[in-house]
Amino acid sequence: MAMLLLESIVGVLLLMLLLILILIFVACKPWRFFFFSSRSRTVKVGDLDRPLISDEVESSEVTRNYDLEGACYQNEGPLHLSRPVGLVHKQRLPSGSPRSFQGDSLVLDVVSEPLEDISVGQTLKRISLTEHVAEVQTQIIQEDQSPILGPGLEKDTFQESVPKVITEQRSCLSLEVISGPSRGLHCSIQSASSSRLPLTLGRVSSDLLLKDSEVSGKHAMINWNMDKKTWELVDMGSLNGTLLNSRSINHPDSGSRHWGDPVELTNGDIITLGTTSNIYVHVTSKSENETPFAVGVASDPMALRRGGKKLPMEDVCYYHWPLPGIDKFGVFGICDGHGGVAAADAASKLLPEKVASILSDSLTRERVLSHCDASEVLRVAFSQTEASMNNYYEGCTATVLLVWVDDDENFFAQCANLGDSACVMNVDGKPIKMTADHRLTSYSERLRISEIGEPLKDGETRLCGLNLARMLGDKFLKQQDARFSSEPYISEAVHIHRASSTFVLLASDGFWDVISVKKAVQLVLQTRERYATDGENPAERVANFLLSEARTLRTKDNTSIIFLDFDSKSRISSCKLVS
């Protein structure tokens, strides 16, 4: 009996040992060494590099399949100015020279080593819209002369194949929360984006997510009426009601939770949800292909990222293409306020006005076009803006990108900035930093201050409570301390050939606090390729993706992003957002 029991125990132990060996074999997957898979690894962005906090752009190697986790990074260090094809630049001063760190120095930080050749997709040669229309009309006339268009192809089929973008109009709806707990939140959508319609407004699982206790989970809805070609607002049976320009649009039976009737939206309308959340409505329309490059804008106050404390929105982002009355010139900018949003609001209105006023002079425009340089235009615009601002106890950073088109339909871009909102370009795989960091932790800024005669002490990183020494506004501080300045850094003008693959990323410091230049470029390349075939504006999708990454990494500051894509494949119509 004892022998049988012992044999049973030994048998059970051997069976358990066999099962353990099988589990170890399956877990180790030794067969993976005998097979090769060509698929790239899944993109993960949980482990991102440290942010942009110095004057140098990180050296980066962008892998061919944009595998963020598997990319091989070089040690980061100072860059040496190279001469990449297609860039307009000047000689950089030696690094030991104090003058090379002046705020108005025209220096482009470009990666010195050539990046690995990447194939985001061959850039197509772009013909003008007029030539394309003439070509299509000629084809239609020729086909109309023949009853048979080709084997298996009837006339109706052919006419359907003619791109509708030639004649269709696209409407763009932009919403901006101007008061309430989610003040500063932006959202935009185009009438052609059928997959994203209708647009819901509410406190839970909505397209425009409002952190307001007076707003219902699904409060209101906006849709595009194809028959009337208008945007329409509908109350979804909300508890606290919906107002349009102070008039209720709820169902007459207020306690029924029934939906109200659709009401047409127009540009300048004010939507009120509950009692405190007011939303300003921008409605614009553009012909397809009228905008020569794609633009995406996204912003978020990140109101719950600071230990649950509500964070007011002090970022203001804007763009104007073209400038009013100034054909082929446009500005794109971000202002980040401190002490309130008043200075940022004022600067975002004044800067475009000053640039447009200066460029209204035909001789000035000709000088910019002939010299491929708008340094003086930007410098004067900043000076006039500072003089016109009456903000004594509030200030803001300012980053402005001026873009123009020459007679050969090639683009030029030049940037001016004060503060720590940054602008980065990527021209055919070469990242270029277009801005300077004016935080007091920056070596160049500390050197500028020391040349004034009042150097900062070791470890001193703030002046009068601010970590910046350059800004617009803050007149009181500038009167008290000469170390504060409104003199902008102005980059070189960068030539963007129409056949190049180029994009530009402007973002406030809330983005750069958690995502480095290297990672930002890689994220753009990966997401731009993913959304390239979408029918919607891919630039807008990229901007929103970047914003979501900053949110995922729990940035603790307001975050605003403007993304410009000059790649010919991305040149679809985008909406003009007026600040």
Protein backbone atom coordinates (compact mmCIF):
# COMPACT_ATOMS: atom_id res chain seq x y z
CA MET A 1 0.00 0.00 0.00
CA ALA A 2 2.82 2.39 0.89
CA MET A 3 4.57 1.61 -2.39
CA LEU A 4 1.45 2.49 -4.41
CA LEU A 5 1.08 5.78 -2.55
CA LEU A 6 4.76 6.61 -3.15
CA GLU A 7 4.45 5.79 -6.85
CA SER A 8 1.36 8.06 -7.09
CA ILE A 9 3.21 10.95 -5.47
CA VAL A 10 6.22 10.49 -7.78
CA GLY A 11 3.91 10.39 -10.80
CA VAL A 12 2.18 13.61 -9.76
CA LEU A 13 5.54 15.34 -9.21
CA LEU A 14 6.82 14.23 -12.62
CA LEU A 15 3.61 15.50 -14.26
CA MET A 16 3.94 18.88 -12.54
CA LEU A 17 7.61 19.11 -13.59
CA LEU A 18 6.60 18.36 -17.18
CA LEU A 19 3.94 21.09 -17.11
CA ILE A 20 6.44 23.60 -15.71
CA LEU A 21 8.93 22.78 -18.48
CA ILE A 22 6.21 23.22 -21.10
CA LEU A 23 5.22 26.63 -19.65
CA ILE A 24 8.86 27.77 -19.63
CA PHE A 25 9.25 26.62 -23.22
CA VAL A 26 6.16 28.56 -24.35
CA ALA A 27 7.19 31.69 -22.42
CA CYS A 28 10.71 31.76 -23.88
CA LYS A 29 9.47 31.24 -27.47
CA PRO A 30 12.75 29.78 -28.78
CA TRP A 31 11.27 29.45 -32.26
CA ARG A 32 11.36 33.24 -32.66
CA PHE A 33 15.09 32.94 -33.44
CA PHE A 34 14.29 30.86 -36.54
CA PHE A 35 11.71 33.12 -38.12
CA PHE A 36 11.92 36.73 -39.26
CA SER A 37 9.06 39.17 -39.26
CA SER A 38 9.24 42.31 -41.35
CA ARG A 39 6.64 44.12 -39.31
CA SER A 40 7.83 47.09 -37.31
CA ARG A 41 7.31 47.19 -33.57
CA THR A 42 4.29 48.80 -32.04
CA VAL A 43 4.85 52.51 -31.37
CA LYS A 44 4.97 53.39 -27.70
CA VAL A 45 5.44 56.89 -26.39
CA GLY A 46 5.41 56.32 -22.69
CA ASP A 47 9.14 56.83 -22.27
CA LEU A 48 9.89 60.19 -23.87
CA ASP A 49 13.06 62.24 -23.61
CA ARG A 50 13.45 65.27 -21.46
CA PRO A 51 12.03 68.51 -22.79
CA LEU A 52 13.51 71.39 -24.72
CA ILE A 53 15.18 73.43 -21.97
CA SER A 54 18.43 74.61 -23.54
CA ASP A 55 19.54 76.64 -26.51
CA GLU A 56 20.64 73.61 -28.48
CA VAL A 57 18.44 71.31 -30.53
CA GLU A 58 18.98 67.65 -29.70
CA SER A 59 20.77 65.64 -32.33
CA SER A 60 18.40 63.05 -33.68
CA GLU A 61 18.34 60.04 -35.93
CA VAL A 62 14.90 59.35 -37.35
CA THR A 63 14.48 55.71 -38.24
CA ARG A 64 12.89 54.71 -41.48
CA ASN A 65 9.80 53.17 -39.91
CA TYR A 66 9.56 55.84 -37.18
CA ASP A 67 9.70 53.25 -34.38
CA LEU A 68 9.87 55.63 -31.44
CA GLU A 69 10.80 53.02 -28.88
CA GLY A 70 13.36 51.29 -31.05
CA ALA A 71 15.01 54.41 -32.46
CA CYS A 72 18.74 54.73 -31.89
CA TYR A 73 19.58 58.10 -30.34
CA GLN A 74 22.90 59.85 -30.46
CA ASN A 75 24.32 61.67 -27.48
CA GLU A 76 22.91 65.15 -27.38
CA GLY A 77 25.21 68.11 -27.54
CA PRO A 78 25.85 71.49 -29.13
CA LEU A 79 25.25 71.70 -32.85
CA HIS A 80 27.45 73.09 -35.55
CA LEU A 81 25.81 75.02 -38.35
CA SER A 82 25.83 73.06 -41.55
CA ARG A 83 24.72 74.05 -45.00
CA PRO A 84 21.70 71.91 -45.79
CA VAL A 85 20.22 72.14 -49.25
CA GLY A 86 17.41 74.62 -49.56
CA LEU A 87 18.25 76.73 -46.48
CA VAL A 88 19.05 80.40 -46.58
CA HIS A 89 21.51 81.21 -43.83
CA LYS A 90 24.32 83.45 -42.68
CA GLN A 91 27.68 82.70 -41.11
CA ARG A 92 27.42 81.79 -37.45
CA LEU A 93 29.73 83.53 -35.03
CA PRO A 94 32.23 81.43 -33.06
CA SER A 95 30.75 79.85 -29.95
CA GLY A 96 33.19 81.69 -27.74
CA SER A 97 32.05 85.08 -28.90
CA PRO A 98 29.58 86.79 -26.55
CA ARG A 99 27.83 88.31 -29.54
CA SER A 100 26.68 84.90 -30.71
CA PHE A 101 24.20 84.87 -27.83
CA GLN A 102 22.56 88.22 -28.42
CA GLY A 103 18.78 88.19 -28.55
CA ASP A 104 18.63 89.64 -32.05
CA SER A 105 21.29 87.34 -33.53
CA LEU A 106 20.18 85.63 -36.70
CA VAL A 107 21.33 82.07 -36.08
CA LEU A 108 19.66 78.85 -37.11
CA ASP A 109 20.36 75.75 -35.02
CA VAL A 110 20.55 72.88 -37.50
CA VAL A 111 21.55 69.27 -36.90
CA SER A 112 25.17 68.99 -37.99
CA GLU A 113 25.24 65.32 -38.90
CA PRO A 114 23.18 64.25 -41.90
CA LEU A 115 20.10 62.32 -40.84
CA GLU A 116 19.34 58.93 -42.27
CA ASP A 117 17.50 59.24 -45.55
CA ILE A 118 13.83 58.68 -44.84
CA SER A 119 11.00 58.02 -47.23
CA VAL A 120 7.83 59.58 -45.93
CA GLY A 121 6.44 59.32 -49.44
CA GLN A 122 7.64 60.86 -52.65
CA THR A 123 6.74 64.52 -52.87
CA LEU A 124 4.63 65.23 -55.94
CA LYS A 125 5.37 68.09 -58.26
CA ARG A 126 2.60 70.59 -57.73
CA ILE A 127 0.86 72.35 -60.62
CA SER A 128 -1.19 75.45 -60.10
CA LEU A 129 -4.93 75.21 -59.61
CA THR A 130 -5.56 77.21 -62.79
CA GLU A 131 -3.52 74.78 -64.87
CA HIS A 132 -5.31 71.83 -63.29
CA VAL A 133 -8.76 73.28 -63.98
CA ALA A 134 -7.83 74.04 -67.60
CA GLU A 135 -6.50 70.53 -68.06
CA VAL A 136 -9.66 68.94 -66.63
CA GLN A 137 -11.93 71.19 -68.72
CA THR A 138 -9.99 70.27 -71.87
CA GLN A 139 -10.40 66.59 -71.07
CA ILE A 140 -14.13 67.02 -70.51
CA ILE A 141 -14.59 68.88 -73.82
CA GLN A 142 -12.67 66.24 -75.68
CA GLU A 143 -14.69 63.45 -74.08
CA ASP A 144 -17.98 65.26 -74.73
CA GLN A 145 -17.21 65.17 -78.46
CA SER A 146 -17.21 61.39 -78.40
CA PRO A 147 -20.16 59.23 -77.30
CA ILE A 148 -17.77 56.52 -76.10
CA LEU A 149 -15.20 57.49 -73.45
CA GLY A 150 -13.35 54.24 -73.29
CA PRO A 151 -13.82 50.55 -72.66
CA GLY A 152 -16.27 50.11 -69.80
CA LEU A 153 -16.25 53.83 -68.93
CA GLU A 154 -19.39 55.89 -69.42
CA LYS A 155 -19.67 59.65 -69.40
CA ASP A 156 -21.29 59.86 -65.95
CA THR A 157 -18.50 57.73 -64.50
CA PHE A 158 -15.87 60.01 -65.99
CA GLN A 159 -17.50 63.16 -64.69
CA GLU A 160 -17.66 61.64 -61.23
CA SER A 161 -13.90 61.07 -61.43
CA VAL A 162 -13.22 64.79 -61.88
CA PRO A 163 -12.04 66.06 -58.48
CA LYS A 164 -14.89 67.86 -56.76
CA VAL A 165 -12.39 70.00 -54.86
CA ILE A 166 -12.30 72.32 -57.85
CA THR A 167 -15.75 73.77 -57.26
CA GLU A 168 -16.93 72.66 -53.81
CA GLN A 169 -16.96 75.03 -50.87
CA ARG A 170 -15.94 73.77 -47.46
CA SER A 171 -17.20 75.35 -44.26
CA CYS A 172 -15.20 75.32 -41.08
CA LEU A 173 -16.63 75.62 -37.58
CA SER A 174 -14.32 76.69 -34.75
CA LEU A 175 -15.43 76.86 -31.15
CA GLU A 176 -13.61 78.70 -28.37
CA VAL A 177 -14.67 78.55 -24.72
CA ILE A 178 -14.38 82.17 -23.59
CA SER A 179 -15.67 81.83 -20.02
CA GLY A 180 -16.26 79.15 -17.42
CA PRO A 181 -14.04 76.44 -15.89
CA SER A 182 -12.79 75.30 -19.32
CA ARG A 183 -11.98 78.78 -20.61
CA GLY A 184 -9.48 78.70 -23.49
CA LEU A 185 -10.51 75.30 -24.85
CA HIS A 186 -10.62 75.17 -28.67
CA CYS A 187 -12.27 72.80 -31.09
CA SER A 188 -12.62 72.98 -34.87
CA ILE A 189 -14.20 70.79 -37.52
CA GLN A 190 -14.88 70.97 -41.24
CA SER A 191 -18.15 70.26 -42.97
CA ALA A 192 -16.45 67.57 -45.06
CA SER A 193 -15.39 65.66 -41.93
CA SER A 194 -18.50 63.47 -41.94
CA SER A 195 -16.87 60.80 -39.77
CA ARG A 196 -16.53 63.30 -36.91
CA LEU A 197 -20.04 64.69 -37.14
CA PRO A 198 -22.20 65.41 -35.27
CA LEU A 199 -20.07 67.36 -32.78
CA THR A 200 -21.21 66.91 -29.17
CA LEU A 201 -20.77 69.38 -26.32
CA GLY A 202 -20.96 68.13 -22.76
CA ARG A 203 -19.29 67.04 -19.57
CA VAL A 204 -18.89 63.32 -20.34
CA SER A 205 -17.52 61.61 -23.49
CA SER A 206 -18.06 64.65 -25.70
CA ASP A 207 -16.06 66.15 -28.57
CA LEU A 208 -15.87 69.46 -26.68
CA LEU A 209 -15.35 68.27 -23.11
CA LEU A 210 -16.36 70.94 -20.57
CA LYS A 211 -15.36 70.46 -16.93
CA ASP A 212 -18.40 72.36 -15.67
CA SER A 213 -20.78 70.87 -13.08
CA GLU A 214 -23.68 72.82 -14.64
CA VAL A 215 -23.20 71.12 -18.00
CA SER A 216 -24.98 67.84 -18.71
CA GLY A 217 -23.07 64.75 -19.81
CA LYS A 218 -24.45 65.17 -23.34
CA HIS A 219 -25.62 68.76 -23.34
CA ALA A 220 -25.87 69.97 -26.95
CA MET A 221 -24.98 68.88 -30.47
CA ILE A 222 -23.81 70.65 -33.61
CA ASN A 223 -24.29 69.17 -37.09
CA TRP A 224 -23.84 70.21 -40.72
CA ASN A 225 -27.09 70.51 -42.70
CA MET A 226 -26.21 69.33 -46.19
CA ASP A 227 -29.41 70.71 -47.74
CA LYS A 228 -29.22 74.19 -46.24
CA LYS A 229 -25.40 74.32 -46.19
CA THR A 230 -25.47 75.61 -42.61
CA TRP A 231 -24.30 74.58 -39.17
CA GLU A 232 -27.12 73.80 -36.73
CA LEU A 233 -27.18 73.66 -32.92
CA VAL A 234 -29.55 71.37 -31.00
CA ASP A 235 -30.14 71.13 -27.25
CA MET A 236 -30.09 67.44 -26.25
CA GLY A 237 -32.58 67.71 -23.41
CA SER A 238 -30.05 69.24 -21.03
CA LEU A 239 -30.91 69.92 -17.38
CA ASN A 240 -29.66 73.52 -17.21
CA GLY A 241 -30.54 74.57 -20.74
CA THR A 242 -28.75 75.96 -23.78
CA LEU A 243 -28.76 79.58 -24.87
CA LEU A 244 -27.82 81.03 -28.25
CA ASN A 245 -27.10 84.74 -28.03
CA SER A 246 -28.96 84.81 -24.67
CA ARG A 247 -32.10 83.16 -26.14
CA SER A 248 -33.15 79.67 -25.02
CA ILE A 249 -33.23 76.92 -27.66
CA ASN A 250 -34.57 74.22 -25.33
CA HIS A 251 -37.69 72.18 -25.95
CA PRO A 252 -40.81 74.12 -24.80
CA ASP A 253 -41.53 71.43 -22.19
CA SER A 254 -38.52 72.18 -19.99
CA GLY A 255 -38.94 69.14 -17.75
CA SER A 256 -39.37 66.56 -20.49
CA ARG A 257 -35.71 66.07 -21.41
CA HIS A 258 -36.81 66.20 -25.07
CA TRP A 259 -34.45 67.56 -27.68
CA GLY A 260 -35.01 71.07 -28.94
CA ASP A 261 -35.37 72.15 -32.56
CA PRO A 262 -32.23 72.77 -34.68
CA VAL A 263 -31.11 76.42 -34.75
CA GLU A 264 -28.77 77.86 -37.38
CA LEU A 265 -25.31 79.01 -36.24
CA THR A 266 -23.54 82.00 -37.75
CA ASN A 267 -20.14 83.58 -37.27
CA GLY A 268 -19.88 85.50 -33.99
CA ASP A 269 -22.66 83.65 -32.15
CA ILE A 270 -22.32 82.96 -28.42
CA ILE A 271 -23.48 79.58 -27.07
CA THR A 272 -24.14 79.38 -23.34
CA LEU A 273 -24.27 76.01 -21.57
CA GLY A 274 -25.60 76.27 -18.04
CA THR A 275 -24.80 79.73 -16.68
CA THR A 276 -21.02 80.15 -16.85
CA SER A 277 -19.67 78.32 -19.93
CA ASN A 278 -19.82 80.63 -22.94
CA ILE A 279 -18.58 79.42 -26.34
CA TYR A 280 -17.67 81.75 -29.19
CA VAL A 281 -18.49 80.52 -32.69
CA HIS A 282 -16.24 81.06 -35.74
CA VAL A 283 -17.76 80.04 -39.06
CA THR A 284 -15.65 80.42 -42.19
CA SER A 285 -15.64 78.94 -45.66
CA LYS A 286 -12.94 78.35 -48.23
CA SER A 287 -12.65 76.85 -51.66
CA GLU A 288 -10.75 73.61 -51.79
CA ASN A 289 -7.03 73.92 -52.58
CA GLU A 290 -7.10 77.67 -51.87
CA THR A 291 -4.83 77.31 -48.84
CA PRO A 292 -1.38 76.32 -50.13
CA PHE A 293 -0.47 74.23 -47.07
CA ALA A 294 -2.29 72.35 -44.33
CA VAL A 295 -2.77 73.92 -40.89
CA GLY A 296 -3.82 72.31 -37.62
CA VAL A 297 -4.50 74.09 -34.31
CA ALA A 298 -5.10 72.52 -30.89
CA SER A 299 -5.03 73.85 -27.33
CA ASP A 300 -6.04 72.79 -23.84
CA PRO A 301 -5.75 74.59 -20.48
CA MET A 302 -4.86 71.25 -18.83
CA ALA A 303 -7.05 72.54 -16.01
CA LEU A 304 -6.81 69.45 -13.80
CA ARG A 305 -3.10 68.70 -14.09
CA ARG A 306 -1.93 70.59 -11.02
CA GLY A 307 -3.13 68.49 -8.12
CA GLY A 308 -6.77 69.04 -9.01
CA LYS A 309 -6.37 72.81 -8.90
CA LYS A 310 -8.13 74.60 -11.74
CA LEU A 311 -5.63 76.21 -14.08
CA PRO A 312 -6.84 79.30 -15.99
CA MET A 313 -6.16 79.37 -19.71
CA GLU A 314 -3.57 82.05 -20.50
CA ASP A 315 -2.42 80.78 -23.92
CA VAL A 316 -3.73 82.46 -27.07
CA CYS A 317 -2.96 80.94 -30.47
CA TYR A 318 -3.93 82.54 -33.78
CA TYR A 319 -3.18 82.62 -37.48
CA HIS A 320 -4.06 84.74 -40.49
CA TRP A 321 -3.56 83.48 -44.03
CA PRO A 322 -3.34 85.62 -46.00
CA LEU A 323 -2.94 88.79 -43.99
CA PRO A 324 -5.81 91.22 -44.66
CA GLY A 325 -4.98 93.06 -47.88
CA ILE A 326 -1.51 91.43 -48.08
CA ASP A 327 -1.57 88.62 -50.60
CA LYS A 328 0.87 85.71 -50.17
CA PHE A 329 1.89 86.70 -46.62
CA GLY A 330 0.61 85.13 -43.42
CA VAL A 331 1.39 85.01 -39.70
CA PHE A 332 1.08 82.19 -37.18
CA GLY A 333 1.60 82.81 -33.50
CA ILE A 334 1.25 81.77 -29.87
CA CYS A 335 1.19 84.12 -26.87
CA ASP A 336 1.51 82.65 -23.37
CA GLY A 337 0.36 85.03 -20.66
CA HIS A 338 1.44 85.27 -17.04
CA GLY A 339 -0.45 87.15 -14.35
CA GLY A 340 -3.56 86.80 -16.49
CA VAL A 341 -4.56 86.50 -20.13
CA ALA A 342 -5.03 90.21 -20.90
CA ALA A 343 -1.51 90.77 -22.25
CA ALA A 344 -1.69 87.65 -24.43
CA ASP A 345 -5.06 88.76 -25.82
CA ALA A 346 -3.70 92.20 -26.62
CA ALA A 347 -0.50 90.91 -28.23
CA SER A 348 -2.35 88.32 -30.35
CA LYS A 349 -4.40 91.13 -31.90
CA LEU A 350 -1.67 93.76 -32.18
CA LEU A 351 1.14 91.66 -33.69
CA PRO A 352 -0.76 90.61 -36.86
CA GLU A 353 -2.05 94.16 -37.27
CA LYS A 354 1.43 95.65 -37.02
CA VAL A 355 2.92 93.12 -39.46
CA ALA A 356 0.11 93.77 -41.96
CA SER A 357 0.51 97.53 -41.59
CA ILE A 358 4.27 97.37 -42.23
CA LEU A 359 3.84 95.06 -45.24
CA SER A 360 1.12 97.26 -46.70
CA ASP A 361 3.95 99.36 -48.11
CA SER A 362 4.76 97.95 -51.55
CA LEU A 363 8.45 98.89 -51.28
CA THR A 364 8.74 96.97 -48.02
CA ARG A 365 7.15 93.91 -49.57
CA GLU A 366 9.46 94.09 -52.57
CA ARG A 367 12.45 94.39 -50.26
CA VAL A 368 11.38 91.28 -48.34
CA LEU A 369 10.83 89.31 -51.55
CA SER A 370 14.07 90.40 -53.19
CA HIS A 371 16.30 89.93 -50.12
CA CYS A 372 14.43 86.84 -48.83
CA ASP A 373 14.52 88.39 -45.38
CA ALA A 374 11.85 89.95 -43.13
CA SER A 375 13.98 90.60 -40.05
CA GLU A 376 13.27 94.31 -39.97
CA VAL A 377 9.53 93.75 -40.44
CA LEU A 378 9.40 91.45 -37.43
CA ARG A 379 11.63 93.63 -35.29
CA VAL A 380 9.55 96.76 -35.94
CA ALA A 381 6.29 94.84 -35.42
CA PHE A 382 7.44 93.69 -31.97
CA SER A 383 8.62 97.18 -31.07
CA GLN A 384 5.33 98.78 -32.12
CA THR A 385 3.32 96.11 -30.31
CA GLU A 386 5.25 96.69 -27.09
CA ALA A 387 4.72 100.44 -27.39
CA SER A 388 0.97 99.97 -27.96
CA MET A 389 0.39 97.63 -25.02
CA ASN A 390 -0.82 99.10 -21.74
CA ASN A 391 -0.27 96.02 -19.61
CA TYR A 392 1.66 97.16 -16.54
CA TYR A 393 1.18 94.16 -14.28
CA GLU A 394 0.60 91.42 -16.85
CA GLY A 395 2.89 90.11 -19.57
CA CYS A 396 3.20 87.36 -22.14
CA THR A 397 5.63 85.47 -24.30
CA ALA A 398 5.23 85.84 -28.06
CA THR A 399 6.28 83.56 -30.89
CA VAL A 400 5.44 84.68 -34.44
CA LEU A 401 6.15 82.81 -37.66
CA LEU A 402 5.94 84.88 -40.85
CA VAL A 403 5.40 82.84 -44.03
CA TRP A 404 5.39 84.19 -47.58
CA VAL A 405 5.34 82.88 -51.15
CA ASP A 406 7.63 83.99 -53.97
CA ASP A 407 6.82 84.20 -57.69
CA ASP A 408 7.90 80.57 -58.20
CA GLU A 409 5.40 79.37 -55.57
CA ASN A 410 8.18 78.49 -53.14
CA PHE A 411 7.73 79.39 -49.48
CA PHE A 412 9.89 81.26 -47.00
CA ALA A 413 9.48 81.18 -43.23
CA GLN A 414 11.05 83.39 -40.59
CA CYS A 415 10.40 83.44 -36.85
CA ALA A 416 10.68 85.95 -34.02
CA ASN A 417 10.13 85.20 -30.36
CA LEU A 418 10.24 86.35 -26.77
CA GLY A 419 10.06 83.82 -23.96
CA ASP A 420 9.91 80.03 -23.98
CA SER A 421 7.30 79.06 -26.55
CA ALA A 422 9.31 77.33 -29.28
CA CYS A 423 9.09 76.85 -33.03
CA VAL A 424 10.78 73.94 -34.81
CA MET A 425 10.96 73.27 -38.55
CA ASN A 426 11.83 70.00 -40.23
CA VAL A 427 13.08 70.40 -43.81
CA ASP A 428 13.71 67.13 -45.63
CA GLY A 429 14.58 65.38 -42.37
CA LYS A 430 16.68 68.22 -40.90
CA PRO A 431 15.21 69.72 -37.69
CA ILE A 432 15.82 73.45 -37.33
CA LYS A 433 15.17 75.39 -34.14
CA MET A 434 13.66 78.76 -35.11
CA THR A 435 13.47 80.28 -31.62
CA ALA A 436 15.66 81.06 -28.62
CA ASP A 437 14.97 80.06 -25.02
CA HIS A 438 14.72 83.17 -22.85
CA ARG A 439 14.33 81.43 -19.51
CA LEU A 440 16.88 82.43 -16.90
CA THR A 441 18.26 78.89 -16.94
CA SER A 442 19.42 79.56 -20.51
CA TYR A 443 23.16 80.27 -20.84
CA SER A 444 22.66 82.82 -23.61
CA GLU A 445 20.13 84.77 -21.54
CA ARG A 446 22.33 84.78 -18.46
CA LEU A 447 25.20 86.02 -20.64
CA ARG A 448 23.02 88.84 -22.03
CA ILE A 449 22.06 89.90 -18.51
CA SER A 450 25.66 89.81 -17.29
CA GLU A 451 26.68 92.15 -20.14
CA ILE A 452 24.20 94.71 -18.80
CA GLY A 453 26.29 94.86 -15.64
CA GLU A 454 23.99 93.07 -13.21
CA PRO A 455 24.79 89.35 -13.55
CA LEU A 456 22.60 86.75 -11.93
CA LYS A 457 23.92 84.93 -8.89
CA ASP A 458 24.74 81.25 -9.06
CA GLY A 459 21.55 79.29 -8.64
CA GLU A 460 19.35 82.35 -9.21
CA THR A 461 16.65 81.36 -11.73
CA ARG A 462 14.00 84.04 -11.22
CA LEU A 463 13.70 87.80 -11.51
CA CYS A 464 10.85 89.34 -9.53
CA GLY A 465 9.26 85.93 -9.36
CA LEU A 466 9.45 85.28 -13.14
CA ASN A 467 11.61 82.65 -14.80
CA LEU A 468 11.76 84.78 -17.97
CA ALA A 469 13.67 87.95 -18.72
CA ARG A 470 12.04 88.81 -22.07
CA MET A 471 8.36 89.39 -22.66
CA LEU A 472 5.75 91.80 -23.98
CA GLY A 473 3.94 93.88 -21.36
CA ASP A 474 4.98 93.86 -17.68
CA LYS A 475 5.73 97.58 -18.03
CA PHE A 476 6.06 98.01 -14.26
CA LEU A 477 8.83 95.41 -14.02
CA LYS A 478 10.72 96.87 -16.97
CA GLN A 479 10.66 100.29 -15.35
CA GLN A 480 12.07 98.83 -12.13
CA ASP A 481 14.71 96.48 -13.56
CA ALA A 482 16.72 97.10 -16.76
CA ARG A 483 17.44 93.41 -17.13
CA PHE A 484 13.94 92.81 -18.50
CA SER A 485 13.70 93.24 -22.27
CA SER A 486 11.23 93.14 -25.15
CA GLU A 487 13.89 92.69 -27.84
CA PRO A 488 12.98 89.54 -29.82
CA TYR A 489 15.22 86.83 -31.14
CA ILE A 490 14.85 86.66 -34.94
CA SER A 491 15.82 83.59 -36.90
CA GLU A 492 17.18 83.30 -40.40
CA ALA A 493 14.67 82.99 -43.21
CA VAL A 494 14.30 79.38 -44.30
CA HIS A 495 13.60 78.58 -47.92
CA ILE A 496 11.00 75.84 -48.38
CA HIS A 497 11.18 74.43 -51.88
CA ARG A 498 7.82 73.35 -53.22
CA ALA A 499 9.14 69.82 -53.78
CA SER A 500 10.48 69.43 -50.24
CA SER A 501 8.94 67.57 -47.35
CA THR A 502 8.65 70.25 -44.68
CA PHE A 503 6.60 70.85 -41.57
CA VAL A 504 6.60 73.45 -38.81
CA LEU A 505 5.60 72.97 -35.18
CA LEU A 506 4.86 75.91 -32.87
CA ALA A 507 3.96 75.11 -29.27
CA SER A 508 3.80 76.78 -25.89
CA ASP A 509 6.06 75.64 -23.07
CA GLY A 510 3.40 73.30 -21.71
CA PHE A 511 4.21 71.01 -24.64
CA TRP A 512 8.01 71.34 -24.53
CA ASP A 513 8.05 70.74 -20.77
CA VAL A 514 7.25 67.07 -21.39
CA ILE A 515 8.25 66.37 -25.01
CA SER A 516 11.66 67.06 -26.57
CA VAL A 517 12.32 68.32 -30.08
CA LYS A 518 13.59 64.91 -31.12
CA LYS A 519 10.48 63.13 -29.89
CA ALA A 520 8.18 65.78 -31.33
CA VAL A 521 9.69 65.33 -34.80
CA GLN A 522 9.36 61.56 -34.57
CA LEU A 523 5.75 61.79 -33.39
CA VAL A 524 4.90 64.08 -36.30
CA LEU A 525 6.50 61.77 -38.86
CA GLN A 526 4.70 58.75 -37.48
CA THR A 527 1.28 60.38 -37.18
CA ARG A 528 1.51 62.29 -40.47
CA GLU A 529 2.09 59.03 -42.32
CA ARG A 530 -0.81 57.42 -40.47
CA TYR A 531 -3.29 60.20 -41.36
CA ALA A 532 -1.97 60.94 -44.86
CA THR A 533 -4.77 59.03 -46.58
CA ASP A 534 -7.60 60.41 -44.45
CA GLY A 535 -10.20 62.55 -46.15
CA GLU A 536 -10.02 65.06 -43.31
CA ASN A 537 -7.32 67.63 -42.67
CA PRO A 538 -4.32 65.53 -41.52
CA ALA A 539 -2.60 68.58 -40.01
CA GLU A 540 -5.47 69.00 -37.60
CA ARG A 541 -5.26 65.32 -36.66
CA VAL A 542 -1.51 65.65 -36.03
CA ALA A 543 -1.99 68.74 -33.84
CA ASN A 544 -4.63 66.99 -31.74
CA PHE A 545 -2.46 63.86 -31.43
CA LEU A 546 0.48 65.92 -30.15
CA LEU A 547 -1.83 67.64 -27.67
CA SER A 548 -3.06 64.27 -26.42
CA GLU A 549 0.53 63.13 -25.88
CA ALA A 550 1.23 66.17 -23.71
CA ARG A 551 -1.93 65.40 -21.78
CA THR A 552 -0.93 61.75 -21.35
CA LEU A 553 2.45 62.82 -19.99
CA ARG A 554 0.62 65.06 -17.50
CA THR A 555 1.98 68.44 -18.44
CA LYS A 556 1.29 70.97 -15.72
CA ASP A 557 0.81 74.04 -17.92
CA ASN A 558 -1.50 75.39 -20.59
CA THR A 559 -0.65 73.79 -23.92
CA SER A 560 -1.20 75.20 -27.41
CA ILE A 561 -0.02 73.79 -30.73
CA ILE A 562 0.03 75.09 -34.31
CA PHE A 563 1.15 72.60 -36.96
CA LEU A 564 1.92 73.55 -40.59
CA ASP A 565 2.51 70.88 -43.22
CA PHE A 566 4.07 72.01 -46.50
CA ASP A 567 4.23 68.53 -47.98
CA SER A 568 2.37 68.53 -51.31
CA LYS A 569 0.32 65.49 -50.25
CA SER A 570 -1.05 67.42 -47.30
CA ARG A 571 -2.01 70.57 -49.15
CA ILE A 572 -5.74 70.32 -48.73
CA SER A 573 -8.02 73.14 -47.72
CA SER A 574 -7.85 74.24 -44.11
CA CYS A 575 -9.98 76.81 -42.37
CA LYS A 576 -8.82 80.28 -41.55
CA LEU A 577 -9.04 80.81 -37.82
CA VAL A 578 -9.31 84.42 -36.77
CA SER A 579 -8.24 85.12 -33.22
